[in-house]
């Protein structure tokens, strides 16, 4: 149960940060990991330092992948909302010959 809540907290944090314009908080965990490893490196033996950098790289890759995936999902949701608004209201603000048109998402759904 705690894992699910942790995931939801991370997801809400990422979604909130991606919704803000020009945010820099989404890459924050990656920066913290790199800084921690940079400070610990002089105190570690070379094999341990290499293992630490590998762990930091893997965690950073996972975080960047998660943030990119959430960004893509938010982008798609916004595009679908815009298409739905066009189908319901937007096309009727155009000249009458365009009233029978449909959005790209509705055309894609119809073709399936």
PDB file of N, CA and C in Angstrom:
ATOM      1  N   UNK A   1       0.819  -1.194   0.000  1.00  0.00           N
ATOM      2  CA  UNK A   1       0.000   0.000   0.000  1.00  0.00           C
ATOM      3  C   UNK A   1       0.866   1.262   0.000  1.00  0.00           C
ATOM      4  N   UNK A   2       1.972   1.229   0.724  1.00  0.00           N
ATOM      5  CA  UNK A   2       2.833   2.407   0.792  1.00  0.00           C
ATOM      6  C   UNK A   2       3.481   2.691  -0.562  1.00  0.00           C
ATOM      7  N   UNK A   3       3.770   1.637  -1.332  1.00  0.00           N
ATOM      8  CA  UNK A   3       4.374   1.845  -2.647  1.00  0.00           C
ATOM      9  C   UNK A   3       3.428   2.602  -3.565  1.00  0.00           C
ATOM     10  N   UNK A   4       2.144   2.276  -3.486  1.00  0.00           N
ATOM     11  CA  UNK A   4       1.162   2.978  -4.313  1.00  0.00           C
ATOM     12  C   UNK A   4       1.057   4.442  -3.952  1.00  0.00           C
ATOM     13  N   UNK A   5       1.095   4.737  -2.653  1.00  0.00           N
ATOM     14  CA  UNK A   5       1.029   6.136  -2.221  1.00  0.00           C
ATOM     15  C   UNK A   5       2.290   6.895  -2.624  1.00  0.00           C
ATOM     16  N   UNK A   6       3.426   6.229  -2.550  1.00  0.00           N
ATOM     17  CA  UNK A   6       4.678   6.874  -2.958  1.00  0.00           C
ATOM     18  C   UNK A   6       4.637   7.206  -4.446  1.00  0.00           C
ATOM     19  N   UNK A   7       4.157   6.260  -5.253  1.00  0.00           N
ATOM     20  CA  UNK A   7       4.039   6.507  -6.689  1.00  0.00           C
ATOM     21  C   UNK A   7       3.111   7.693  -6.951  1.00  0.00           C
ATOM     22  N   UNK A   8       1.970   7.726  -6.259  1.00  0.00           N
ATOM     23  CA  UNK A   8       1.031   8.822  -6.469  1.00  0.00           C
ATOM     24  C   UNK A   8       1.629  10.165  -6.064  1.00  0.00           C
ATOM     25  N   UNK A   9       2.412  10.178  -5.000  1.00  0.00           N
ATOM     26  CA  UNK A   9       3.070  11.429  -4.596  1.00  0.00           C
ATOM     27  C   UNK A   9       4.054  11.895  -5.664  1.00  0.00           C
ATOM     28  N   UNK A  10       4.867  10.965  -6.160  1.00  0.00           N
ATOM     29  CA  UNK A  10       5.813  11.316  -7.223  1.00  0.00           C
ATOM     30  C   UNK A  10       5.069  11.802  -8.463  1.00  0.00           C
ATOM     31  N   UNK A  11       4.003  11.099  -8.817  1.00  0.00           N
ATOM     32  CA  UNK A  11       3.243  11.459 -10.011  1.00  0.00           C
ATOM     33  C   UNK A  11       2.618  12.840  -9.870  1.00  0.00           C
ATOM     34  N   UNK A  12       2.022  13.116  -8.720  1.00  0.00           N
ATOM     35  CA  UNK A  12       1.429  14.439  -8.495  1.00  0.00           C
ATOM     36  C   UNK A  12       2.491  15.531  -8.529  1.00  0.00           C
ATOM     37  N   UNK A  13       3.650  15.254  -7.924  1.00  0.00           N
ATOM     38  CA  UNK A  13       4.741  16.231  -7.930  1.00  0.00           C
ATOM     39  C   UNK A  13       5.173  16.535  -9.362  1.00  0.00           C
ATOM     40  N   UNK A  14       5.389  15.489 -10.141  1.00  0.00           N
ATOM     41  CA  UNK A  14       5.843  15.676 -11.524  1.00  0.00           C
ATOM     42  C   UNK A  14       4.775  16.392 -12.342  1.00  0.00           C
ATOM     43  N   UNK A  15       3.516  15.992 -12.206  1.00  0.00           N
ATOM     44  CA  UNK A  15       2.444  16.638 -12.956  1.00  0.00           C
ATOM     45  C   UNK A  15       2.329  18.115 -12.589  1.00  0.00           C
ATOM     46  N   UNK A  16       2.416  18.407 -11.311  1.00  0.00           N
ATOM     47  CA  UNK A  16       2.324  19.798 -10.849  1.00  0.00           C
ATOM     48  C   UNK A  16       3.490  20.627 -11.405  1.00  0.00           C
ATOM     49  N   UNK A  17       4.689  20.053 -11.380  1.00  0.00           N
ATOM     50  CA  UNK A  17       5.855  20.789 -11.873  1.00  0.00           C
ATOM     51  C   UNK A  17       5.832  20.950 -13.392  1.00  0.00           C
ATOM     52  N   UNK A  18       5.342  19.939 -14.098  1.00  0.00           N
ATOM     53  CA  UNK A  18       5.270  20.051 -15.551  1.00  0.00           C
ATOM     54  C   UNK A  18       4.190  21.035 -15.990  1.00  0.00           C
ATOM     55  N   UNK A  19       3.167  21.223 -15.166  1.00  0.00           N
ATOM     56  CA  UNK A  19       2.097  22.159 -15.506  1.00  0.00           C
ATOM     57  C   UNK A  19       2.549  23.609 -15.360  1.00  0.00           C
ATOM     58  N   UNK A  20       3.572  23.843 -14.547  1.00  0.00           N
ATOM     59  CA  UNK A  20       4.088  25.202 -14.376  1.00  0.00           C
ATOM     60  C   UNK A  20       4.947  25.567 -15.586  1.00  0.00           C
ATOM     61  N   UNK A  21       4.859  26.818 -16.024  1.00  0.00           N
ATOM     62  CA  UNK A  21       5.740  27.215 -17.128  1.00  0.00           C
ATOM     63  C   UNK A  21       7.178  27.407 -16.649  1.00  0.00           C
ATOM     64  N   UNK A  22       8.109  26.908 -17.420  1.00  0.00           N
ATOM     65  CA  UNK A  22       9.546  27.061 -17.156  1.00  0.00           C
ATOM     66  C   UNK A  22       9.953  26.576 -15.771  1.00  0.00           C
ATOM     67  N   UNK A  23       9.534  25.411 -15.410  1.00  0.00           N
ATOM     68  CA  UNK A  23       9.897  24.868 -14.103  1.00  0.00           C
ATOM     69  C   UNK A  23      11.243  24.163 -14.174  1.00  0.00           C
ATOM     70  N   UNK A  24      11.937  24.169 -13.066  1.00  0.00           N
ATOM     71  CA  UNK A  24      13.226  23.479 -13.004  1.00  0.00           C
ATOM     72  C   UNK A  24      13.231  22.438 -11.896  1.00  0.00           C
ATOM     73  N   UNK A  25      12.091  22.158 -11.290  1.00  0.00           N
ATOM     74  CA  UNK A  25      12.048  21.229 -10.167  1.00  0.00           C
ATOM     75  C   UNK A  25      11.985  19.771 -10.617  1.00  0.00           C
ATOM     76  N   UNK A  26      11.533  19.496 -11.827  1.00  0.00           N
ATOM     77  CA  UNK A  26      11.446  18.106 -12.273  1.00  0.00           C
ATOM     78  C   UNK A  26      12.818  17.434 -12.345  1.00  0.00           C
ATOM     79  N   UNK A  27      13.885  18.116 -12.793  1.00  0.00           N
ATOM     80  CA  UNK A  27      15.203  17.459 -12.778  1.00  0.00           C
ATOM     81  C   UNK A  27      15.912  17.549 -11.433  1.00  0.00           C
ATOM     82  N   UNK A  28      15.261  18.089 -10.414  1.00  0.00           N
ATOM     83  CA  UNK A  28      15.891  18.284  -9.113  1.00  0.00           C
ATOM     84  C   UNK A  28      16.436  16.995  -8.497  1.00  0.00           C
ATOM     85  N   UNK A  29      15.687  15.877  -8.468  1.00  0.00           N
ATOM     86  CA  UNK A  29      16.256  14.656  -7.877  1.00  0.00           C
ATOM     87  C   UNK A  29      17.530  14.176  -8.574  1.00  0.00           C
ATOM     88  N   UNK A  30      17.610  14.349  -9.875  1.00  0.00           N
ATOM     89  CA  UNK A  30      18.821  13.952 -10.603  1.00  0.00           C
ATOM     90  C   UNK A  30      20.001  14.795 -10.136  1.00  0.00           C
ATOM     91  N   UNK A  31      19.797  16.084 -10.001  1.00  0.00           N
ATOM     92  CA  UNK A  31      20.874  16.980  -9.542  1.00  0.00           C
ATOM     93  C   UNK A  31      21.318  16.621  -8.132  1.00  0.00           C
ATOM     94  N   UNK A  32      20.364  16.298  -7.272  1.00  0.00           N
ATOM     95  CA  UNK A  32      20.715  15.936  -5.898  1.00  0.00           C
ATOM     96  C   UNK A  32      21.545  14.659  -5.853  1.00  0.00           C
ATOM     97  N   UNK A  33      21.184  13.672  -6.672  1.00  0.00           N
ATOM     98  CA  UNK A  33      21.957  12.431  -6.718  1.00  0.00           C
ATOM     99  C   UNK A  33      23.382  12.680  -7.216  1.00  0.00           C
ATOM    100  N   UNK A  34      23.509  13.474  -8.249  1.00  0.00           N
ATOM    101  CA  UNK A  34      24.840  13.757  -8.795  1.00  0.00           C
ATOM    102  C   UNK A  34      25.680  14.532  -7.783  1.00  0.00           C
ATOM    103  N   UNK A  35      25.080  15.503  -7.113  1.00  0.00           N
ATOM    104  CA  UNK A  35      25.817  16.260  -6.099  1.00  0.00           C
ATOM    105  C   UNK A  35      26.256  15.371  -4.942  1.00  0.00           C
ATOM    106  N   UNK A  36      25.356  14.509  -4.488  1.00  0.00           N
ATOM    107  CA  UNK A  36      25.707  13.609  -3.387  1.00  0.00           C
ATOM    108  C   UNK A  36      26.869  12.701  -3.784  1.00  0.00           C
ATOM    109  N   UNK A  37      26.825  12.170  -4.984  1.00  0.00           N
ATOM    110  CA  UNK A  37      27.901  11.288  -5.429  1.00  0.00           C
ATOM    111  C   UNK A  37      29.203  12.059  -5.617  1.00  0.00           C
ATOM    112  N   UNK A  38      29.111  13.286  -6.084  1.00  0.00           N
ATOM    113  CA  UNK A  38      30.321  14.096  -6.267  1.00  0.00           C
ATOM    114  C   UNK A  38      31.000  14.390  -4.927  1.00  0.00           C
ATOM    115  N   UNK A  39      30.200  14.608  -3.885  1.00  0.00           N
ATOM    116  CA  UNK A  39      30.778  14.865  -2.564  1.00  0.00           C
ATOM    117  C   UNK A  39      31.305  13.589  -1.913  1.00  0.00           C
ATOM    118  N   UNK A  40      30.668  12.455  -2.183  1.00  0.00           N
ATOM    119  CA  UNK A  40      31.096  11.191  -1.578  1.00  0.00           C
ATOM    120  C   UNK A  40      32.280  10.552  -2.302  1.00  0.00           C
ATOM    121  N   UNK A  41      32.472  10.873  -3.552  1.00  0.00           N
ATOM    122  CA  UNK A  41      33.487  10.208  -4.368  1.00  0.00           C
ATOM    123  C   UNK A  41      34.887  10.237  -3.761  1.00  0.00           C
ATOM    124  N   UNK A  42      35.378  11.347  -3.224  1.00  0.00           N
ATOM    125  CA  UNK A  42      36.743  11.335  -2.668  1.00  0.00           C
ATOM    126  C   UNK A  42      36.904  10.405  -1.466  1.00  0.00           C
ATOM    127  N   UNK A  43      35.811  10.071  -0.813  1.00  0.00           N
ATOM    128  CA  UNK A  43      35.874   9.230   0.382  1.00  0.00           C
ATOM    129  C   UNK A  43      35.659   7.747   0.076  1.00  0.00           C
ATOM    130  N   UNK A  44      35.431   7.406  -1.180  1.00  0.00           N
ATOM    131  CA  UNK A  44      35.161   6.021  -1.556  1.00  0.00           C
ATOM    132  C   UNK A  44      36.341   5.435  -2.326  1.00  0.00           C
ATOM    133  N   UNK A  45      36.468   4.128  -2.230  1.00  0.00           N
ATOM    134  CA  UNK A  45      37.464   3.425  -3.039  1.00  0.00           C
ATOM    135  C   UNK A  45      37.001   3.456  -4.500  1.00  0.00           C
ATOM    136  N   UNK A  46      37.918   3.340  -5.463  1.00  0.00           N
ATOM    137  CA  UNK A  46      37.530   3.415  -6.881  1.00  0.00           C
ATOM    138  C   UNK A  46      36.413   2.454  -7.294  1.00  0.00           C
ATOM    139  N   UNK A  47      36.418   1.167  -6.858  1.00  0.00           N
ATOM    140  CA  UNK A  47      35.293   0.311  -7.265  1.00  0.00           C
ATOM    141  C   UNK A  47      33.957   0.784  -6.682  1.00  0.00           C
ATOM    142  N   UNK A  48      33.983   1.259  -5.451  1.00  0.00           N
ATOM    143  CA  UNK A  48      32.747   1.750  -4.835  1.00  0.00           C
ATOM    144  C   UNK A  48      32.281   3.034  -5.519  1.00  0.00           C
ATOM    145  N   UNK A  49      33.225   3.880  -5.894  1.00  0.00           N
ATOM    146  CA  UNK A  49      32.863   5.115  -6.596  1.00  0.00           C
ATOM    147  C   UNK A  49      32.235   4.800  -7.953  1.00  0.00           C
ATOM    148  N   UNK A  50      32.810   3.830  -8.658  1.00  0.00           N
ATOM    149  CA  UNK A  50      32.247   3.433  -9.947  1.00  0.00           C
ATOM    150  C   UNK A  50      30.847   2.862  -9.767  1.00  0.00           C
ATOM    151  N   UNK A  51      30.679   2.013  -8.763  1.00  0.00           N
ATOM    152  CA  UNK A  51      29.354   1.452  -8.492  1.00  0.00           C
ATOM    153  C   UNK A  51      28.366   2.565  -8.139  1.00  0.00           C
ATOM    154  N   UNK A  52      28.818   3.536  -7.376  1.00  0.00           N
ATOM    155  CA  UNK A  52      27.949   4.664  -7.025  1.00  0.00           C
ATOM    156  C   UNK A  52      27.514   5.456  -8.239  1.00  0.00           C
ATOM    157  N   UNK A  53      28.457   5.718  -9.146  1.00  0.00           N
ATOM    158  CA  UNK A  53      28.100   6.454 -10.358  1.00  0.00           C
ATOM    159  C   UNK A  53      27.146   5.650 -11.233  1.00  0.00           C
ATOM    160  N   UNK A  54      27.318   4.335 -11.265  1.00  0.00           N
ATOM    161  CA  UNK A  54      26.400   3.493 -12.048  1.00  0.00           C
ATOM    162  C   UNK A  54      24.999   3.557 -11.456  1.00  0.00           C
ATOM    163  N   UNK A  55      24.908   3.501 -10.135  1.00  0.00           N
ATOM    164  CA  UNK A  55      23.599   3.591  -9.475  1.00  0.00           C
ATOM    165  C   UNK A  55      22.968   4.959  -9.733  1.00  0.00           C
ATOM    166  N   UNK A  56      23.766   6.014  -9.627  1.00  0.00           N
ATOM    167  CA  UNK A  56      23.257   7.368  -9.888  1.00  0.00           C
ATOM    168  C   UNK A  56      22.786   7.489 -11.338  1.00  0.00           C
ATOM    169  N   UNK A  57      23.547   6.938 -12.266  1.00  0.00           N
ATOM    170  CA  UNK A  57      23.156   7.000 -13.680  1.00  0.00           C
ATOM    171  C   UNK A  57      21.862   6.234 -13.928  1.00  0.00           C
ATOM    172  N   UNK A  58      21.723   5.056 -13.318  1.00  0.00           N
ATOM    173  CA  UNK A  58      20.500   4.267 -13.496  1.00  0.00           C
ATOM    174  C   UNK A  58      19.295   4.982 -12.893  1.00  0.00           C
ATOM    175  N   UNK A  59      19.463   5.532 -11.693  1.00  0.00           N
ATOM    176  CA  UNK A  59      18.360   6.254 -11.054  1.00  0.00           C
ATOM    177  C   UNK A  59      17.998   7.505 -11.851  1.00  0.00           C
ATOM    178  N   UNK A  60      18.998   8.190 -12.372  1.00  0.00           N
ATOM    179  CA  UNK A  60      18.743   9.391 -13.171  1.00  0.00           C
ATOM    180  C   UNK A  60      18.004   9.048 -14.457  1.00  0.00           C
ATOM    181  N   UNK A  61      18.420   7.973 -15.104  1.00  0.00           N
ATOM    182  CA  UNK A  61      17.748   7.541 -16.325  1.00  0.00           C
ATOM    183  C   UNK A  61      16.295   7.170 -16.042  1.00  0.00           C
ATOM    184  N   UNK A  62      16.060   6.460 -14.943  1.00  0.00           N
ATOM    185  CA  UNK A  62      14.690   6.096 -14.577  1.00  0.00           C
ATOM    186  C   UNK A  62      13.849   7.345 -14.320  1.00  0.00           C
ATOM    187  N   UNK A  63      14.412   8.316 -13.610  1.00  0.00           N
ATOM    188  CA  UNK A  63      13.671   9.539 -13.301  1.00  0.00           C
ATOM    189  C   UNK A  63      13.362  10.341 -14.564  1.00  0.00           C
ATOM    190  N   UNK A  64      14.350  10.497 -15.435  1.00  0.00           N
ATOM    191  CA  UNK A  64      14.143  11.258 -16.668  1.00  0.00           C
ATOM    192  C   UNK A  64      13.113  10.560 -17.552  1.00  0.00           C
ATOM    193  N   UNK A  65      13.160   9.238 -17.608  1.00  0.00           N
ATOM    194  CA  UNK A  65      12.179   8.484 -18.385  1.00  0.00           C
ATOM    195  C   UNK A  65      10.781   8.681 -17.820  1.00  0.00           C
ATOM    196  N   UNK A  66      10.645   8.628 -16.494  1.00  0.00           N
ATOM    197  CA  UNK A  66       9.345   8.825 -15.851  1.00  0.00           C
ATOM    198  C   UNK A  66       8.808  10.228 -16.129  1.00  0.00           C
ATOM    199  N   UNK A  67       9.651  11.241 -15.998  1.00  0.00           N
ATOM    200  CA  UNK A  67       9.217  12.622 -16.242  1.00  0.00           C
ATOM    201  C   UNK A  67       8.814  12.800 -17.710  1.00  0.00           C
ATOM    202  N   UNK A  68       9.571  12.228 -18.628  1.00  0.00           N
ATOM    203  CA  UNK A  68       9.230  12.326 -20.050  1.00  0.00           C
ATOM    204  C   UNK A  68       7.911  11.620 -20.346  1.00  0.00           C
ATOM    205  N   UNK A  69       7.695  10.457 -19.741  1.00  0.00           N
ATOM    206  CA  UNK A  69       6.446   9.719 -19.938  1.00  0.00           C
ATOM    207  C   UNK A  69       5.262  10.527 -19.417  1.00  0.00           C
ATOM    208  N   UNK A  70       5.398  11.115 -18.219  1.00  0.00           N
ATOM    209  CA  UNK A  70       4.311  11.927 -17.664  1.00  0.00           C
ATOM    210  C   UNK A  70       4.077  13.167 -18.530  1.00  0.00           C
ATOM    211  N   UNK A  71       5.149  13.759 -19.038  1.00  0.00           N
ATOM    212  CA  UNK A  71       4.995  14.915 -19.917  1.00  0.00           C
ATOM    213  C   UNK A  71       4.240  14.563 -21.189  1.00  0.00           C
ATOM    214  N   UNK A  72       4.563  13.411 -21.751  1.00  0.00           N
ATOM    215  CA  UNK A  72       3.865  12.951 -22.955  1.00  0.00           C
ATOM    216  C   UNK A  72       2.393  12.712 -22.657  1.00  0.00           C
ATOM    217  N   UNK A  73       2.100  12.090 -21.515  1.00  0.00           N
ATOM    218  CA  UNK A  73       0.698  11.836 -21.148  1.00  0.00           C
ATOM    219  C   UNK A  73      -0.069  13.147 -20.956  1.00  0.00           C
ATOM    220  N   UNK A  74       0.535  14.120 -20.300  1.00  0.00           N
ATOM    221  CA  UNK A  74      -0.121  15.411 -20.107  1.00  0.00           C
ATOM    222  C   UNK A  74      -0.316  16.138 -21.438  1.00  0.00           C
ATOM    223  N   UNK A  75       0.663  16.028 -22.323  1.00  0.00           N
ATOM    224  CA  UNK A  75       0.542  16.630 -23.649  1.00  0.00           C
ATOM    225  C   UNK A  75      -0.629  16.017 -24.410  1.00  0.00           C
ATOM    226  N   UNK A  76      -0.723  14.690 -24.386  1.00  0.00           N
ATOM    227  CA  UNK A  76      -1.817  14.007 -25.089  1.00  0.00           C
ATOM    228  C   UNK A  76      -3.173  14.373 -24.496  1.00  0.00           C
ATOM    229  N   UNK A  77      -3.270  14.452 -23.171  1.00  0.00           N
ATOM    230  CA  UNK A  77      -4.531  14.819 -22.527  1.00  0.00           C
ATOM    231  C   UNK A  77      -4.942  16.230 -22.931  1.00  0.00           C
ATOM    232  N   UNK A  78      -3.995  17.149 -22.979  1.00  0.00           N
ATOM    233  CA  UNK A  78      -4.308  18.513 -23.406  1.00  0.00           C
ATOM    234  C   UNK A  78      -4.754  18.568 -24.858  1.00  0.00           C
ATOM    235  N   UNK A  79      -4.112  17.784 -25.707  1.00  0.00           N
ATOM    236  CA  UNK A  79      -4.495  17.744 -27.117  1.00  0.00           C
ATOM    237  C   UNK A  79      -5.901  17.181 -27.285  1.00  0.00           C
ATOM    238  N   UNK A  80      -6.229  16.142 -26.524  1.00  0.00           N
ATOM    239  CA  UNK A  80      -7.573  15.569 -26.611  1.00  0.00           C
ATOM    240  C   UNK A  80      -8.630  16.546 -26.110  1.00  0.00           C
ATOM    241  N   UNK A  81      -8.316  17.283 -25.040  1.00  0.00           N
ATOM    242  CA  UNK A  81      -9.259  18.297 -24.553  1.00  0.00           C
ATOM    243  C   UNK A  81      -9.469  19.385 -25.607  1.00  0.00           C
ATOM    244  N   UNK A  82      -8.392  19.799 -26.258  1.00  0.00           N
ATOM    245  CA  UNK A  82      -8.514  20.806 -27.308  1.00  0.00           C
ATOM    246  C   UNK A  82      -9.323  20.308 -28.495  1.00  0.00           C
ATOM    247  N   UNK A  83      -9.106  19.060 -28.886  1.00  0.00           N
ATOM    248  CA  UNK A  83      -9.877  18.480 -29.987  1.00  0.00           C
ATOM    249  C   UNK A  83     -11.351  18.371 -29.625  1.00  0.00           C
ATOM    250  N   UNK A  84     -11.627  17.975 -28.400  1.00  0.00           N
ATOM    251  CA  UNK A  84     -13.017  17.860 -27.949  1.00  0.00           C
ATOM    252  C   UNK A  84     -13.691  19.236 -27.948  1.00  0.00           C
ATOM    253  N   UNK A  85     -12.969  20.263 -27.506  1.00  0.00           N
ATOM    254  CA  UNK A  85     -13.526  21.619 -27.507  1.00  0.00           C
ATOM    255  C   UNK A  85     -13.778  22.094 -28.940  1.00  0.00           C
ATOM    256  N   UNK A  86     -12.897  21.739 -29.861  1.00  0.00           N
ATOM    257  CA  UNK A  86     -13.109  22.102 -31.263  1.00  0.00           C
ATOM    258  C   UNK A  86     -14.360  21.429 -31.797  1.00  0.00           C
ATOM    259  N   UNK A  87     -14.525  20.132 -31.507  1.00  0.00           N
ATOM    260  CA  UNK A  87     -15.696  19.408 -32.008  1.00  0.00           C
ATOM    261  C   UNK A  87     -16.992  19.944 -31.417  1.00  0.00           C
ATOM    262  N   UNK A  88     -16.966  20.397 -30.172  1.00  0.00           N
ATOM    263  CA  UNK A  88     -18.198  20.850 -29.522  1.00  0.00           C
ATOM    264  C   UNK A  88     -18.522  22.309 -29.823  1.00  0.00           C
ATOM    265  N   UNK A  89     -17.492  23.182 -29.877  1.00  0.00           N
ATOM    266  CA  UNK A  89     -17.760  24.613 -30.012  1.00  0.00           C
ATOM    267  C   UNK A  89     -16.970  25.282 -31.126  1.00  0.00           C
ATOM    268  N   UNK A  90     -15.716  24.969 -31.230  1.00  0.00           N
ATOM    269  CA  UNK A  90     -14.809  25.719 -32.100  1.00  0.00           C
ATOM    270  C   UNK A  90     -15.180  25.718 -33.563  1.00  0.00           C
ATOM    271  N   UNK A  91     -15.597  24.587 -34.082  1.00  0.00           N
ATOM    272  CA  UNK A  91     -15.864  24.532 -35.519  1.00  0.00           C
ATOM    273  C   UNK A  91     -17.098  25.340 -35.902  1.00  0.00           C
ATOM    274  N   UNK A  92     -17.976  25.610 -34.933  1.00  0.00           N
ATOM    275  CA  UNK A  92     -19.179  26.385 -35.237  1.00  0.00           C
ATOM    276  C   UNK A  92     -18.901  27.886 -35.257  1.00  0.00           C
ATOM    277  N   UNK A  93     -17.695  28.279 -34.845  1.00  0.00           N
ATOM    278  CA  UNK A  93     -17.287  29.676 -34.963  1.00  0.00           C
ATOM    279  C   UNK A  93     -16.667  29.945 -36.334  1.00  0.00           C
ATOM    280  N   UNK A  94     -16.457  28.892 -37.104  1.00  0.00           N
ATOM    281  CA  UNK A  94     -15.909  29.007 -38.455  1.00  0.00           C
ATOM    282  C   UNK A  94     -17.054  29.179 -39.446  1.00  0.00           C
ATOM    283  N   UNK A  95     -16.772  29.466 -40.715  1.00  0.00           N
ATOM    284  CA  UNK A  95     -17.837  29.542 -41.721  1.00  0.00           C
ATOM    285  C   UNK A  95     -18.599  28.213 -41.813  1.00  0.00           C
ATOM    286  N   UNK A  96     -19.857  28.250 -42.251  1.00  0.00           N
ATOM    287  CA  UNK A  96     -20.710  27.052 -42.256  1.00  0.00           C
ATOM    288  C   UNK A  96     -20.149  25.857 -43.020  1.00  0.00           C
ATOM    289  N   UNK A  97     -19.325  26.076 -44.028  1.00  0.00           N
ATOM    290  CA  UNK A  97     -18.814  24.923 -44.780  1.00  0.00           C
ATOM    291  C   UNK A  97     -17.866  24.057 -43.956  1.00  0.00           C
ATOM    292  N   UNK A  98     -17.383  24.562 -42.821  1.00  0.00           N
ATOM    293  CA  UNK A  98     -16.482  23.793 -41.957  1.00  0.00           C
ATOM    294  C   UNK A  98     -17.211  23.080 -40.822  1.00  0.00           C
ATOM    295  N   UNK A  99     -18.516  23.279 -40.706  1.00  0.00           N
ATOM    296  CA  UNK A  99     -19.246  22.711 -39.573  1.00  0.00           C
ATOM    297  C   UNK A  99     -19.285  21.190 -39.601  1.00  0.00           C
ATOM    298  N   UNK A 100     -19.116  20.594 -40.758  1.00  0.00           N
ATOM    299  CA  UNK A 100     -19.132  19.125 -40.838  1.00  0.00           C
ATOM    300  C   UNK A 100     -17.751  18.521 -40.605  1.00  0.00           C
ATOM    301  N   UNK A 101     -16.745  19.362 -40.404  1.00  0.00           N
ATOM    302  CA  UNK A 101     -15.391  18.842 -40.176  1.00  0.00           C
ATOM    303  C   UNK A 101     -15.292  18.214 -38.790  1.00  0.00           C
ATOM    304  N   UNK A 102     -14.224  17.470 -38.585  1.00  0.00           N
ATOM    305  CA  UNK A 102     -14.006  16.843 -37.281  1.00  0.00           C
ATOM    306  C   UNK A 102     -12.535  16.963 -36.904  1.00  0.00           C
ATOM    307  N   UNK A 103     -12.269  16.814 -35.626  1.00  0.00           N
ATOM    308  CA  UNK A 103     -10.894  16.919 -35.137  1.00  0.00           C
ATOM    309  C   UNK A 103     -10.094  15.683 -35.539  1.00  0.00           C
ATOM    310  N   UNK A 104      -8.785  15.789 -35.411  1.00  0.00           N
ATOM    311  CA  UNK A 104      -7.911  14.668 -35.778  1.00  0.00           C
ATOM    312  C   UNK A 104      -8.142  13.471 -34.872  1.00  0.00           C
ATOM    313  N   UNK A 105      -8.365  13.708 -33.585  1.00  0.00           N
ATOM    314  CA  UNK A 105      -8.573  12.573 -32.678  1.00  0.00           C
ATOM    315  C   UNK A 105      -9.895  11.869 -32.968  1.00  0.00           C
ATOM    316  N   UNK A 106     -10.930  12.617 -33.326  1.00  0.00           N
ATOM    317  CA  UNK A 106     -12.205  11.980 -33.655  1.00  0.00           C
ATOM    318  C   UNK A 106     -12.086  11.192 -34.954  1.00  0.00           C
ATOM    319  N   UNK A 107     -11.355  11.706 -35.931  1.00  0.00           N
ATOM    320  CA  UNK A 107     -11.154  10.974 -37.184  1.00  0.00           C
ATOM    321  C   UNK A 107     -10.361   9.698 -36.933  1.00  0.00           C
ATOM    322  N   UNK A 108      -9.348   9.773 -36.085  1.00  0.00           N
ATOM    323  CA  UNK A 108      -8.549   8.589 -35.749  1.00  0.00           C
ATOM    324  C   UNK A 108      -9.415   7.546 -35.040  1.00  0.00           C
ATOM    325  N   UNK A 109     -10.264   7.999 -34.127  1.00  0.00           N
ATOM    326  CA  UNK A 109     -11.140   7.077 -33.394  1.00  0.00           C
ATOM    327  C   UNK A 109     -12.150   6.428 -34.343  1.00  0.00           C
ATOM    328  N   UNK A 110     -12.669   7.204 -35.302  1.00  0.00           N
ATOM    329  CA  UNK A 110     -13.638   6.673 -36.250  1.00  0.00           C
ATOM    330  C   UNK A 110     -12.999   5.626 -37.158  1.00  0.00           C
ATOM    331  N   UNK A 111     -11.720   5.798 -37.511  1.00  0.00           N
ATOM    332  CA  UNK A 111     -11.044   4.857 -38.409  1.00  0.00           C
ATOM    333  C   UNK A 111     -10.710   3.537 -37.739  1.00  0.00           C
ATOM    334  N   UNK A 112     -10.690   3.509 -36.431  1.00  0.00           N
ATOM    335  CA  UNK A 112     -10.350   2.253 -35.735  1.00  0.00           C
ATOM    336  C   UNK A 112     -11.413   1.230 -35.844  1.00  0.00           C
TER     337      UNK A 112
END
